[in-house]
Amino acid sequence: MKLRLPDILILAAYLITMVAIGWLLRKKAARNKENYLLGGKSLPWYMLGLSDASDMFDISGTMWMVSLCFVYGMKSIWIPWLWPVFNQVFLMMYLSRWVRRSNATTGAEWLSTRFGNTGIGVKSSHNIVVAFALLSCLGFMAYGFVGLGKFMQIFIPWDSVQPFIPFHVSPAYVPHFYGIVFTLFAMFYSILGGMHSIVLGDVIKYCIMTVACISHRRYSNDEAS
């Protein structure tokens, strides 16, 4: 598949917008820890909902679900319900109220609310939570960027990009290269703007996906007729 000029312009505009969001919101995120990690507890509920909804759509997850369907058949549709029922429903309805009242911004702070700040057991549990958070972040990044790279390789052939790259990349690692590049964009606006830029970026992504789905649906109907 070959991208046309409008496709390239849309992709470039999206990446520039994400970088600009992080740069413009960096001062708001730098006010205090609550602004950086929790968006100052001022983000509207509908933006938080759209942010969570947009994160449920990713190319790696789609590839994984297709693989499950191939292996287990249509009964595999129940497997993804293992985490939404607990995460999006149970935690949102019950645990979120406790976390908000505790003013905890991290998992380690939440443990301090429950068990205090003294004792070897408490400090050990804090260290375990921090280690788990780091490993989870690295795992999700690895899970996401390889699938993203393989997907982008279809739309952006490496033959058209290689002349502009000052170093050699083995064909086996082209998806990794694409994944790292686009992951760096996400890391840039996430680290600079904190929760404000993450939620706003997800809302923009959800709007783009909605427009693309409607446009594709109308195009498919026109082709069928």
N, C-alpha and C. Protein backbone atom coordinates (compact mmCIF):
# COMPACT_ATOMS: atom_id res chain seq x y z
N MET A 1 0.85 -1.19 0.00
CA MET A 1 0.00 0.00 0.00
C MET A 1 0.88 1.24 0.00
N LYS A 2 0.49 2.24 -0.77
CA LYS A 2 1.27 3.46 -0.90
C LYS A 2 0.46 4.64 -0.40
N LEU A 3 1.08 5.42 0.49
CA LEU A 3 0.41 6.60 1.02
C LEU A 3 0.42 7.72 -0.02
N ARG A 4 -0.70 8.41 -0.13
CA ARG A 4 -0.78 9.58 -0.99
C ARG A 4 -0.43 10.82 -0.19
N LEU A 5 -0.32 11.94 -0.90
CA LEU A 5 0.06 13.19 -0.26
C LEU A 5 -0.88 13.59 0.87
N PRO A 6 -2.22 13.51 0.69
CA PRO A 6 -3.11 13.85 1.84
C PRO A 6 -2.88 12.96 3.05
N ASP A 7 -2.59 11.67 2.82
CA ASP A 7 -2.32 10.77 3.93
C ASP A 7 -1.06 11.18 4.70
N ILE A 8 -0.03 11.53 3.95
CA ILE A 8 1.23 11.95 4.59
C ILE A 8 1.04 13.25 5.36
N LEU A 9 0.25 14.18 4.80
CA LEU A 9 0.01 15.45 5.47
C LEU A 9 -0.78 15.24 6.77
N ILE A 10 -1.76 14.34 6.75
CA ILE A 10 -2.54 14.05 7.96
C ILE A 10 -1.65 13.43 9.03
N LEU A 11 -0.81 12.49 8.62
CA LEU A 11 0.10 11.84 9.57
C LEU A 11 1.08 12.86 10.16
N ALA A 12 1.65 13.71 9.31
CA ALA A 12 2.59 14.73 9.80
C ALA A 12 1.89 15.73 10.72
N ALA A 13 0.67 16.13 10.36
CA ALA A 13 -0.08 17.07 11.20
C ALA A 13 -0.39 16.48 12.56
N TYR A 14 -0.70 15.18 12.60
CA TYR A 14 -0.99 14.52 13.87
C TYR A 14 0.24 14.49 14.76
N LEU A 15 1.38 14.12 14.21
CA LEU A 15 2.61 14.04 15.01
C LEU A 15 3.03 15.42 15.51
N ILE A 16 2.91 16.42 14.65
CA ILE A 16 3.27 17.79 15.06
C ILE A 16 2.32 18.27 16.16
N THR A 17 1.04 17.93 16.03
CA THR A 17 0.06 18.33 17.04
C THR A 17 0.37 17.70 18.38
N MET A 18 0.74 16.42 18.40
CA MET A 18 1.06 15.75 19.65
C MET A 18 2.28 16.40 20.33
N VAL A 19 3.29 16.73 19.53
CA VAL A 19 4.47 17.39 20.09
C VAL A 19 4.11 18.76 20.64
N ALA A 20 3.27 19.50 19.89
CA ALA A 20 2.86 20.83 20.32
C ALA A 20 2.04 20.78 21.61
N ILE A 21 1.20 19.76 21.75
CA ILE A 21 0.40 19.62 22.97
C ILE A 21 1.30 19.46 24.19
N GLY A 22 2.27 18.57 24.09
CA GLY A 22 3.20 18.37 25.20
C GLY A 22 3.98 19.63 25.53
N TRP A 23 4.41 20.35 24.50
CA TRP A 23 5.20 21.56 24.72
C TRP A 23 4.36 22.68 25.34
N LEU A 24 3.12 22.83 24.89
CA LEU A 24 2.26 23.90 25.40
C LEU A 24 1.75 23.64 26.81
N LEU A 25 1.58 22.36 27.16
CA LEU A 25 1.04 22.01 28.47
C LEU A 25 2.11 21.70 29.51
N ARG A 26 3.36 21.87 29.15
CA ARG A 26 4.44 21.51 30.06
C ARG A 26 4.43 22.37 31.33
N LYS A 27 4.11 23.67 31.19
CA LYS A 27 4.10 24.55 32.37
C LYS A 27 2.96 24.19 33.32
N LYS A 28 1.80 23.85 32.75
CA LYS A 28 0.69 23.45 33.60
C LYS A 28 1.01 22.16 34.34
N ALA A 29 1.66 21.24 33.67
CA ALA A 29 2.01 19.97 34.31
C ALA A 29 3.10 20.14 35.36
N ALA A 30 3.94 21.18 35.20
CA ALA A 30 5.07 21.37 36.11
C ALA A 30 4.69 22.11 37.39
N ARG A 31 3.44 22.49 37.57
CA ARG A 31 3.05 23.24 38.76
C ARG A 31 3.24 22.42 40.03
N ASN A 32 2.75 21.20 40.01
CA ASN A 32 2.93 20.32 41.16
C ASN A 32 2.69 18.88 40.72
N LYS A 33 2.89 17.96 41.64
CA LYS A 33 2.75 16.54 41.32
C LYS A 33 1.33 16.17 40.96
N GLU A 34 0.36 16.81 41.61
CA GLU A 34 -1.04 16.50 41.32
C GLU A 34 -1.41 16.90 39.90
N ASN A 35 -0.91 18.04 39.43
CA ASN A 35 -1.18 18.47 38.06
C ASN A 35 -0.53 17.54 37.05
N TYR A 36 0.68 17.07 37.38
CA TYR A 36 1.40 16.22 36.43
C TYR A 36 0.78 14.84 36.32
N LEU A 37 0.47 14.22 37.46
CA LEU A 37 0.01 12.84 37.46
C LEU A 37 -1.50 12.70 37.38
N LEU A 38 -2.25 13.68 37.87
CA LEU A 38 -3.71 13.57 37.94
C LEU A 38 -4.44 14.66 37.15
N GLY A 39 -3.70 15.47 36.42
CA GLY A 39 -4.35 16.53 35.67
C GLY A 39 -5.01 17.56 36.57
N GLY A 40 -4.50 17.70 37.80
CA GLY A 40 -5.09 18.64 38.73
C GLY A 40 -6.47 18.26 39.20
N LYS A 41 -6.86 17.04 38.94
CA LYS A 41 -8.22 16.56 39.27
C LYS A 41 -9.30 17.46 38.68
N SER A 42 -8.98 18.05 37.53
CA SER A 42 -9.92 18.98 36.91
C SER A 42 -10.35 18.54 35.51
N LEU A 43 -9.89 17.39 35.06
CA LEU A 43 -10.24 16.94 33.71
C LEU A 43 -11.69 16.47 33.68
N PRO A 44 -12.47 16.88 32.67
CA PRO A 44 -13.89 16.49 32.59
C PRO A 44 -14.04 14.97 32.44
N TRP A 45 -15.15 14.47 32.91
CA TRP A 45 -15.39 13.03 32.87
C TRP A 45 -15.46 12.49 31.45
N TYR A 46 -16.03 13.30 30.53
CA TYR A 46 -16.17 12.79 29.16
C TYR A 46 -14.81 12.69 28.46
N MET A 47 -13.86 13.58 28.81
CA MET A 47 -12.52 13.47 28.23
C MET A 47 -11.79 12.26 28.77
N LEU A 48 -11.97 12.00 30.05
CA LEU A 48 -11.36 10.80 30.63
C LEU A 48 -11.95 9.54 30.01
N GLY A 49 -13.27 9.55 29.78
CA GLY A 49 -13.90 8.39 29.15
C GLY A 49 -13.42 8.17 27.73
N LEU A 50 -13.33 9.25 26.94
CA LEU A 50 -12.85 9.12 25.57
C LEU A 50 -11.38 8.71 25.54
N SER A 51 -10.61 9.19 26.51
CA SER A 51 -9.20 8.80 26.58
C SER A 51 -9.06 7.31 26.82
N ASP A 52 -9.84 6.79 27.76
CA ASP A 52 -9.80 5.35 28.03
C ASP A 52 -10.30 4.55 26.84
N ALA A 53 -11.35 5.06 26.18
CA ALA A 53 -11.90 4.34 25.02
C ALA A 53 -10.90 4.29 23.87
N SER A 54 -10.20 5.39 23.63
CA SER A 54 -9.25 5.40 22.52
C SER A 54 -8.08 4.46 22.77
N ASP A 55 -7.71 4.29 24.04
CA ASP A 55 -6.60 3.39 24.36
C ASP A 55 -6.98 1.92 24.22
N MET A 56 -8.28 1.64 24.09
CA MET A 56 -8.71 0.26 23.89
C MET A 56 -8.52 -0.19 22.44
N PHE A 57 -8.16 0.74 21.55
CA PHE A 57 -7.94 0.43 20.14
C PHE A 57 -6.46 0.60 19.83
N ASP A 58 -5.78 -0.49 19.57
CA ASP A 58 -4.39 -0.43 19.17
C ASP A 58 -4.11 -1.59 18.23
N ILE A 59 -3.13 -1.41 17.39
CA ILE A 59 -2.87 -2.41 16.35
C ILE A 59 -2.35 -3.71 16.96
N SER A 60 -1.55 -3.60 18.03
CA SER A 60 -1.04 -4.84 18.66
C SER A 60 -2.18 -5.63 19.28
N GLY A 61 -3.11 -4.93 19.95
CA GLY A 61 -4.26 -5.62 20.53
C GLY A 61 -5.14 -6.25 19.48
N THR A 62 -5.31 -5.55 18.34
CA THR A 62 -6.11 -6.11 17.25
C THR A 62 -5.47 -7.37 16.69
N MET A 63 -4.16 -7.33 16.51
CA MET A 63 -3.45 -8.51 16.01
C MET A 63 -3.56 -9.67 17.00
N TRP A 64 -3.49 -9.34 18.28
CA TRP A 64 -3.59 -10.37 19.32
C TRP A 64 -4.98 -11.01 19.32
N MET A 65 -6.03 -10.19 19.19
CA MET A 65 -7.39 -10.72 19.19
C MET A 65 -7.66 -11.56 17.95
N VAL A 66 -7.11 -11.15 16.81
CA VAL A 66 -7.26 -11.96 15.59
C VAL A 66 -6.57 -13.31 15.77
N SER A 67 -5.39 -13.28 16.41
CA SER A 67 -4.68 -14.54 16.67
C SER A 67 -5.47 -15.45 17.61
N LEU A 68 -6.09 -14.86 18.64
CA LEU A 68 -6.92 -15.66 19.55
C LEU A 68 -8.10 -16.28 18.82
N CYS A 69 -8.70 -15.49 17.93
CA CYS A 69 -9.84 -16.01 17.17
C CYS A 69 -9.41 -17.16 16.26
N PHE A 70 -8.21 -17.04 15.68
CA PHE A 70 -7.70 -18.09 14.82
C PHE A 70 -7.44 -19.37 15.61
N VAL A 71 -6.93 -19.23 16.84
CA VAL A 71 -6.57 -20.40 17.65
C VAL A 71 -7.78 -21.03 18.32
N TYR A 72 -8.64 -20.19 18.94
CA TYR A 72 -9.73 -20.70 19.78
C TYR A 72 -11.10 -20.60 19.12
N GLY A 73 -11.20 -19.92 18.00
CA GLY A 73 -12.51 -19.76 17.38
C GLY A 73 -13.27 -18.59 18.01
N MET A 74 -14.56 -18.53 17.76
CA MET A 74 -15.36 -17.40 18.21
C MET A 74 -15.50 -17.34 19.73
N LYS A 75 -15.25 -18.44 20.42
CA LYS A 75 -15.33 -18.39 21.89
C LYS A 75 -14.23 -17.52 22.49
N SER A 76 -13.21 -17.19 21.69
CA SER A 76 -12.14 -16.32 22.19
C SER A 76 -12.63 -14.91 22.47
N ILE A 77 -13.85 -14.57 22.04
CA ILE A 77 -14.38 -13.24 22.29
C ILE A 77 -14.54 -12.97 23.78
N TRP A 78 -14.61 -14.05 24.60
CA TRP A 78 -14.76 -13.89 26.05
C TRP A 78 -13.44 -13.58 26.74
N ILE A 79 -12.32 -13.87 26.12
CA ILE A 79 -11.02 -13.67 26.77
C ILE A 79 -10.76 -12.20 27.12
N PRO A 80 -11.02 -11.25 26.19
CA PRO A 80 -10.76 -9.84 26.56
C PRO A 80 -11.61 -9.34 27.72
N TRP A 81 -12.69 -10.05 28.06
CA TRP A 81 -13.52 -9.62 29.17
C TRP A 81 -12.86 -9.89 30.52
N LEU A 82 -11.72 -10.59 30.51
CA LEU A 82 -11.05 -10.89 31.77
C LEU A 82 -10.56 -9.62 32.47
N TRP A 83 -10.13 -8.60 31.66
CA TRP A 83 -9.64 -7.39 32.32
C TRP A 83 -10.63 -6.23 32.31
N PRO A 84 -11.48 -6.02 31.28
CA PRO A 84 -12.41 -4.90 31.39
C PRO A 84 -13.39 -5.02 32.56
N VAL A 85 -13.84 -6.23 32.84
CA VAL A 85 -14.80 -6.40 33.93
C VAL A 85 -14.17 -5.98 35.26
N PHE A 86 -12.90 -6.35 35.46
CA PHE A 86 -12.24 -6.01 36.72
C PHE A 86 -11.70 -4.59 36.70
N ASN A 87 -11.06 -4.21 35.60
CA ASN A 87 -10.37 -2.92 35.54
C ASN A 87 -11.32 -1.76 35.32
N GLN A 88 -12.01 -1.76 34.16
CA GLN A 88 -12.85 -0.62 33.81
C GLN A 88 -14.14 -0.54 34.63
N VAL A 89 -14.64 -1.64 35.13
CA VAL A 89 -15.91 -1.63 35.84
C VAL A 89 -15.70 -1.65 37.35
N PHE A 90 -15.09 -2.70 37.86
CA PHE A 90 -14.96 -2.85 39.32
C PHE A 90 -14.10 -1.76 39.93
N LEU A 91 -12.90 -1.56 39.36
CA LEU A 91 -12.02 -0.54 39.93
C LEU A 91 -12.60 0.85 39.79
N MET A 92 -13.24 1.13 38.66
CA MET A 92 -13.79 2.47 38.46
C MET A 92 -14.93 2.75 39.44
N MET A 93 -15.78 1.76 39.68
CA MET A 93 -16.97 1.98 40.50
C MET A 93 -16.67 1.95 41.99
N TYR A 94 -15.66 1.19 42.41
CA TYR A 94 -15.43 0.99 43.83
C TYR A 94 -14.09 1.56 44.30
N LEU A 95 -13.00 1.10 43.70
CA LEU A 95 -11.69 1.50 44.19
C LEU A 95 -11.38 2.96 43.89
N SER A 96 -11.88 3.49 42.77
CA SER A 96 -11.54 4.86 42.38
C SER A 96 -11.96 5.88 43.43
N ARG A 97 -13.09 5.66 44.10
CA ARG A 97 -13.54 6.60 45.13
C ARG A 97 -12.57 6.62 46.31
N TRP A 98 -12.08 5.46 46.71
CA TRP A 98 -11.13 5.39 47.81
C TRP A 98 -9.82 6.06 47.43
N VAL A 99 -9.35 5.79 46.20
CA VAL A 99 -8.08 6.38 45.76
C VAL A 99 -8.19 7.90 45.70
N ARG A 100 -9.31 8.40 45.21
CA ARG A 100 -9.47 9.85 45.10
C ARG A 100 -9.48 10.51 46.48
N ARG A 101 -10.16 9.90 47.43
CA ARG A 101 -10.22 10.47 48.78
C ARG A 101 -8.86 10.41 49.48
N SER A 102 -8.05 9.45 49.11
CA SER A 102 -6.74 9.31 49.77
C SER A 102 -5.72 10.32 49.27
N ASN A 103 -6.02 10.97 48.11
CA ASN A 103 -5.08 11.90 47.48
C ASN A 103 -3.78 11.23 47.06
N ALA A 104 -3.80 9.93 46.89
CA ALA A 104 -2.61 9.20 46.43
C ALA A 104 -2.45 9.38 44.92
N THR A 105 -1.23 9.59 44.49
CA THR A 105 -0.96 9.76 43.05
C THR A 105 -0.24 8.57 42.45
N THR A 106 0.29 7.68 43.27
CA THR A 106 0.99 6.49 42.78
C THR A 106 0.56 5.28 43.59
N GLY A 107 0.92 4.11 43.10
CA GLY A 107 0.59 2.90 43.81
C GLY A 107 1.28 2.81 45.16
N ALA A 108 2.52 3.32 45.23
CA ALA A 108 3.25 3.29 46.49
C ALA A 108 2.58 4.19 47.52
N GLU A 109 2.10 5.35 47.10
CA GLU A 109 1.39 6.24 48.02
C GLU A 109 0.08 5.61 48.49
N TRP A 110 -0.56 4.89 47.62
CA TRP A 110 -1.80 4.21 48.01
C TRP A 110 -1.53 3.17 49.08
N LEU A 111 -0.41 2.47 48.98
CA LEU A 111 -0.05 1.51 50.02
C LEU A 111 0.25 2.22 51.34
N SER A 112 0.81 3.43 51.25
CA SER A 112 1.05 4.19 52.48
C SER A 112 -0.26 4.54 53.16
N THR A 113 -1.28 4.84 52.37
CA THR A 113 -2.59 5.15 52.94
C THR A 113 -3.17 3.93 53.65
N ARG A 114 -2.94 2.78 53.08
CA ARG A 114 -3.53 1.57 53.66
C ARG A 114 -2.74 1.04 54.86
N PHE A 115 -1.38 1.07 54.76
CA PHE A 115 -0.57 0.38 55.76
C PHE A 115 0.39 1.28 56.53
N GLY A 116 0.46 2.56 56.18
CA GLY A 116 1.37 3.46 56.87
C GLY A 116 2.71 3.56 56.18
N ASN A 117 3.65 4.28 56.82
CA ASN A 117 4.95 4.54 56.21
C ASN A 117 6.11 3.88 56.95
N THR A 118 5.82 3.18 58.02
CA THR A 118 6.90 2.58 58.81
C THR A 118 6.85 1.06 58.73
N GLY A 119 7.99 0.45 58.94
CA GLY A 119 8.05 -1.00 58.96
C GLY A 119 8.73 -1.55 57.71
N ILE A 120 9.45 -2.65 57.91
CA ILE A 120 10.15 -3.28 56.79
C ILE A 120 9.16 -3.79 55.74
N GLY A 121 8.04 -4.36 56.20
CA GLY A 121 7.06 -4.89 55.26
C GLY A 121 6.47 -3.81 54.37
N VAL A 122 6.20 -2.63 54.94
CA VAL A 122 5.64 -1.53 54.15
C VAL A 122 6.63 -1.05 53.11
N LYS A 123 7.88 -0.86 53.52
CA LYS A 123 8.90 -0.39 52.57
C LYS A 123 9.14 -1.43 51.47
N SER A 124 9.11 -2.69 51.84
CA SER A 124 9.30 -3.74 50.83
C SER A 124 8.15 -3.75 49.84
N SER A 125 6.92 -3.55 50.34
CA SER A 125 5.77 -3.51 49.43
C SER A 125 5.85 -2.32 48.50
N HIS A 126 6.37 -1.18 49.01
CA HIS A 126 6.56 -0.01 48.15
C HIS A 126 7.53 -0.33 47.02
N ASN A 127 8.65 -0.96 47.36
CA ASN A 127 9.67 -1.29 46.36
C ASN A 127 9.11 -2.26 45.32
N ILE A 128 8.30 -3.20 45.77
CA ILE A 128 7.71 -4.16 44.83
C ILE A 128 6.76 -3.46 43.87
N VAL A 129 5.96 -2.53 44.38
CA VAL A 129 5.03 -1.79 43.52
C VAL A 129 5.79 -0.98 42.47
N VAL A 130 6.86 -0.31 42.90
CA VAL A 130 7.66 0.48 41.96
C VAL A 130 8.28 -0.41 40.89
N ALA A 131 8.84 -1.54 41.30
CA ALA A 131 9.44 -2.47 40.34
C ALA A 131 8.39 -3.01 39.38
N PHE A 132 7.21 -3.34 39.91
CA PHE A 132 6.13 -3.84 39.06
C PHE A 132 5.70 -2.78 38.05
N ALA A 133 5.62 -1.52 38.49
CA ALA A 133 5.21 -0.44 37.59
C ALA A 133 6.23 -0.26 36.46
N LEU A 134 7.51 -0.31 36.79
CA LEU A 134 8.54 -0.16 35.77
C LEU A 134 8.51 -1.32 34.77
N LEU A 135 8.40 -2.53 35.29
CA LEU A 135 8.34 -3.70 34.40
C LEU A 135 7.09 -3.67 33.52
N SER A 136 5.97 -3.22 34.09
CA SER A 136 4.73 -3.13 33.31
C SER A 136 4.87 -2.12 32.19
N CYS A 137 5.48 -0.97 32.50
CA CYS A 137 5.67 0.06 31.47
C CYS A 137 6.55 -0.45 30.34
N LEU A 138 7.66 -1.09 30.71
CA LEU A 138 8.55 -1.63 29.68
C LEU A 138 7.86 -2.72 28.87
N GLY A 139 7.07 -3.56 29.55
CA GLY A 139 6.36 -4.62 28.85
C GLY A 139 5.33 -4.08 27.88
N PHE A 140 4.56 -3.09 28.30
CA PHE A 140 3.55 -2.52 27.41
C PHE A 140 4.19 -1.77 26.24
N MET A 141 5.32 -1.12 26.49
CA MET A 141 6.01 -0.45 25.40
C MET A 141 6.51 -1.45 24.38
N ALA A 142 7.09 -2.55 24.86
CA ALA A 142 7.55 -3.59 23.94
C ALA A 142 6.37 -4.21 23.18
N TYR A 143 5.28 -4.42 23.90
CA TYR A 143 4.07 -4.99 23.29
C TYR A 143 3.51 -4.08 22.20
N GLY A 144 3.60 -2.76 22.44
CA GLY A 144 2.99 -1.82 21.51
C GLY A 144 3.86 -1.48 20.31
N PHE A 145 5.16 -1.25 20.55
CA PHE A 145 5.93 -0.66 19.46
C PHE A 145 6.27 -1.67 18.37
N VAL A 146 6.37 -2.95 18.68
CA VAL A 146 6.64 -3.94 17.63
C VAL A 146 5.43 -4.07 16.70
N GLY A 147 4.23 -4.17 17.29
CA GLY A 147 3.03 -4.23 16.46
C GLY A 147 2.84 -2.98 15.64
N LEU A 148 3.10 -1.83 16.25
CA LEU A 148 3.00 -0.56 15.52
C LEU A 148 3.99 -0.53 14.37
N GLY A 149 5.22 -1.00 14.62
CA GLY A 149 6.23 -0.99 13.57
C GLY A 149 5.86 -1.87 12.39
N LYS A 150 5.33 -3.05 12.67
CA LYS A 150 4.91 -3.93 11.58
C LYS A 150 3.76 -3.32 10.78
N PHE A 151 2.87 -2.64 11.48
CA PHE A 151 1.75 -1.99 10.81
C PHE A 151 2.23 -0.84 9.93
N MET A 152 3.12 0.00 10.46
CA MET A 152 3.61 1.14 9.69
C MET A 152 4.46 0.71 8.51
N GLN A 153 5.10 -0.44 8.61
CA GLN A 153 5.92 -0.91 7.51
C GLN A 153 5.08 -1.18 6.26
N ILE A 154 3.81 -1.51 6.46
CA ILE A 154 2.92 -1.75 5.33
C ILE A 154 2.60 -0.45 4.61
N PHE A 155 2.37 0.61 5.38
CA PHE A 155 1.96 1.88 4.79
C PHE A 155 3.14 2.75 4.37
N ILE A 156 4.27 2.60 5.05
CA ILE A 156 5.46 3.37 4.69
C ILE A 156 6.56 2.40 4.32
N PRO A 157 6.66 2.03 3.05
CA PRO A 157 7.69 1.06 2.64
C PRO A 157 9.09 1.54 2.99
N TRP A 158 9.90 0.62 3.47
CA TRP A 158 11.24 0.99 3.89
C TRP A 158 12.09 1.46 2.72
N ASP A 159 11.80 1.00 1.51
CA ASP A 159 12.57 1.41 0.34
C ASP A 159 12.49 2.91 0.10
N SER A 160 11.34 3.51 0.44
CA SER A 160 11.18 4.95 0.24
C SER A 160 11.75 5.78 1.38
N VAL A 161 12.06 5.13 2.50
CA VAL A 161 12.58 5.84 3.67
C VAL A 161 14.09 5.70 3.78
N GLN A 162 14.62 4.55 3.38
CA GLN A 162 16.04 4.23 3.54
C GLN A 162 16.98 5.31 3.01
N PRO A 163 16.72 5.94 1.83
CA PRO A 163 17.66 6.96 1.34
C PRO A 163 17.83 8.15 2.27
N PHE A 164 16.86 8.39 3.15
CA PHE A 164 16.92 9.55 4.04
C PHE A 164 17.49 9.20 5.42
N ILE A 165 17.82 7.93 5.65
CA ILE A 165 18.35 7.49 6.94
C ILE A 165 19.87 7.37 6.83
N PRO A 166 20.61 8.07 7.68
CA PRO A 166 22.08 8.07 7.54
C PRO A 166 22.77 6.81 8.03
N PHE A 167 22.03 5.81 8.45
CA PHE A 167 22.64 4.57 8.93
C PHE A 167 21.85 3.39 8.38
N HIS A 168 22.46 2.21 8.47
CA HIS A 168 21.84 1.01 7.91
C HIS A 168 20.97 0.32 8.96
N VAL A 169 19.80 -0.12 8.53
CA VAL A 169 18.90 -0.88 9.38
C VAL A 169 18.61 -2.21 8.70
N SER A 170 18.86 -3.29 9.40
CA SER A 170 18.59 -4.61 8.84
C SER A 170 17.10 -4.78 8.58
N PRO A 171 16.70 -5.43 7.49
CA PRO A 171 15.27 -5.62 7.20
C PRO A 171 14.50 -6.26 8.34
N ALA A 172 15.15 -7.11 9.12
CA ALA A 172 14.46 -7.76 10.23
C ALA A 172 14.12 -6.79 11.35
N TYR A 173 14.83 -5.65 11.39
CA TYR A 173 14.62 -4.69 12.47
C TYR A 173 13.94 -3.41 12.00
N VAL A 174 13.43 -3.41 10.79
CA VAL A 174 12.70 -2.24 10.30
C VAL A 174 11.45 -1.96 11.15
N PRO A 175 10.63 -2.98 11.49
CA PRO A 175 9.49 -2.70 12.38
C PRO A 175 9.90 -2.11 13.72
N HIS A 176 11.02 -2.59 14.26
CA HIS A 176 11.51 -2.05 15.53
C HIS A 176 11.90 -0.58 15.39
N PHE A 177 12.51 -0.25 14.26
CA PHE A 177 12.90 1.14 14.02
C PHE A 177 11.68 2.04 13.94
N TYR A 178 10.67 1.63 13.17
CA TYR A 178 9.43 2.41 13.09
C TYR A 178 8.78 2.53 14.47
N GLY A 179 8.74 1.44 15.19
CA GLY A 179 8.13 1.45 16.51
C GLY A 179 8.82 2.41 17.46
N ILE A 180 10.15 2.40 17.44
CA ILE A 180 10.90 3.28 18.32
C ILE A 180 10.64 4.75 17.97
N VAL A 181 10.61 5.06 16.68
CA VAL A 181 10.40 6.46 16.26
C VAL A 181 9.06 6.98 16.75
N PHE A 182 7.99 6.22 16.51
CA PHE A 182 6.67 6.68 16.91
C PHE A 182 6.47 6.62 18.43
N THR A 183 7.15 5.68 19.09
CA THR A 183 7.09 5.64 20.55
C THR A 183 7.77 6.86 21.16
N LEU A 184 8.84 7.35 20.53
CA LEU A 184 9.51 8.54 21.03
C LEU A 184 8.59 9.77 20.97
N PHE A 185 7.77 9.86 19.93
CA PHE A 185 6.79 10.95 19.87
C PHE A 185 5.83 10.88 21.05
N ALA A 186 5.33 9.68 21.32
CA ALA A 186 4.39 9.51 22.44
C ALA A 186 5.07 9.82 23.78
N MET A 187 6.31 9.37 23.94
CA MET A 187 7.03 9.65 25.18
C MET A 187 7.27 11.13 25.36
N PHE A 188 7.52 11.85 24.27
CA PHE A 188 7.82 13.27 24.36
C PHE A 188 6.65 14.05 24.95
N TYR A 189 5.46 13.89 24.35
CA TYR A 189 4.34 14.69 24.85
C TYR A 189 3.81 14.16 26.17
N SER A 190 3.99 12.87 26.44
CA SER A 190 3.54 12.32 27.72
C SER A 190 4.41 12.81 28.88
N ILE A 191 5.72 12.81 28.68
CA ILE A 191 6.63 13.22 29.74
C ILE A 191 6.55 14.72 29.99
N LEU A 192 6.41 15.50 28.93
CA LEU A 192 6.37 16.96 29.10
C LEU A 192 5.05 17.42 29.70
N GLY A 193 3.94 16.97 29.13
CA GLY A 193 2.63 17.50 29.53
C GLY A 193 1.90 16.72 30.58
N GLY A 194 2.40 15.55 30.96
CA GLY A 194 1.74 14.76 31.99
C GLY A 194 0.35 14.30 31.57
N MET A 195 -0.52 14.18 32.57
CA MET A 195 -1.86 13.65 32.34
C MET A 195 -2.68 14.55 31.42
N HIS A 196 -2.48 15.86 31.49
CA HIS A 196 -3.22 16.78 30.62
C HIS A 196 -2.97 16.45 29.14
N SER A 197 -1.72 16.32 28.75
CA SER A 197 -1.40 16.06 27.35
C SER A 197 -1.79 14.65 26.93
N ILE A 198 -1.70 13.68 27.85
CA ILE A 198 -2.08 12.31 27.51
C ILE A 198 -3.57 12.23 27.20
N VAL A 199 -4.38 12.82 28.06
CA VAL A 199 -5.83 12.77 27.85
C VAL A 199 -6.23 13.55 26.60
N LEU A 200 -5.69 14.75 26.41
CA LEU A 200 -6.03 15.54 25.24
C LEU A 200 -5.58 14.84 23.96
N GLY A 201 -4.39 14.24 23.99
CA GLY A 201 -3.92 13.50 22.82
C GLY A 201 -4.81 12.30 22.51
N ASP A 202 -5.27 11.61 23.54
CA ASP A 202 -6.17 10.47 23.33
C ASP A 202 -7.51 10.90 22.76
N VAL A 203 -8.02 12.05 23.22
CA VAL A 203 -9.29 12.56 22.69
C VAL A 203 -9.16 12.89 21.21
N ILE A 204 -8.07 13.53 20.84
CA ILE A 204 -7.83 13.84 19.42
C ILE A 204 -7.73 12.55 18.61
N LYS A 205 -7.03 11.57 19.16
CA LYS A 205 -6.91 10.28 18.46
C LYS A 205 -8.26 9.62 18.28
N TYR A 206 -9.11 9.69 19.29
CA TYR A 206 -10.44 9.08 19.20
C TYR A 206 -11.28 9.79 18.13
N CYS A 207 -11.18 11.12 18.05
CA CYS A 207 -11.91 11.86 17.02
C CYS A 207 -11.44 11.48 15.63
N ILE A 208 -10.13 11.31 15.47
CA ILE A 208 -9.59 10.91 14.16
C ILE A 208 -10.10 9.52 13.78
N MET A 209 -10.09 8.59 14.74
CA MET A 209 -10.58 7.24 14.46
C MET A 209 -12.07 7.24 14.11
N THR A 210 -12.84 8.08 14.79
CA THR A 210 -14.28 8.15 14.50
C THR A 210 -14.52 8.66 13.09
N VAL A 211 -13.84 9.75 12.73
CA VAL A 211 -13.99 10.30 11.37
C VAL A 211 -13.53 9.29 10.33
N ALA A 212 -12.42 8.59 10.60
CA ALA A 212 -11.92 7.59 9.65
C ALA A 212 -12.90 6.44 9.48
N CYS A 213 -13.51 5.99 10.58
CA CYS A 213 -14.47 4.89 10.48
C CYS A 213 -15.70 5.29 9.68
N ILE A 214 -16.22 6.49 9.92
CA ILE A 214 -17.40 6.96 9.19
C ILE A 214 -17.08 7.13 7.71
N SER A 215 -15.91 7.71 7.42
CA SER A 215 -15.51 7.91 6.03
C SER A 215 -15.33 6.59 5.31
N HIS A 216 -14.70 5.62 6.00
CA HIS A 216 -14.49 4.31 5.39
C HIS A 216 -15.82 3.61 5.14
N ARG A 217 -16.76 3.76 6.07
CA ARG A 217 -18.07 3.14 5.91
C ARG A 217 -18.80 3.71 4.70
N ARG A 218 -18.77 5.02 4.56
CA ARG A 218 -19.44 5.64 3.41
C ARG A 218 -18.74 5.26 2.10
N TYR A 219 -17.41 5.19 2.12
CA TYR A 219 -16.67 4.81 0.93
C TYR A 219 -17.00 3.37 0.53
N SER A 220 -17.12 2.48 1.53
CA SER A 220 -17.44 1.08 1.25
C SER A 220 -18.85 0.96 0.68
N ASN A 221 -19.78 1.74 1.20
CA ASN A 221 -21.16 1.72 0.69
C ASN A 221 -21.21 2.21 -0.76
N ASP A 222 -20.44 3.26 -1.05
CA ASP A 222 -20.40 3.79 -2.42
C ASP A 222 -19.81 2.77 -3.38
N GLU A 223 -18.76 2.08 -2.92
CA GLU A 223 -18.15 1.07 -3.78
C GLU A 223 -19.11 -0.10 -4.04
N ALA A 224 -19.86 -0.48 -2.99
CA ALA A 224 -20.79 -1.59 -3.14
C ALA A 224 -21.96 -1.25 -4.05
N SER A 225 -22.37 0.01 -4.02
CA SER A 225 -23.49 0.42 -4.87
C SER A 225 -23.06 0.66 -6.30
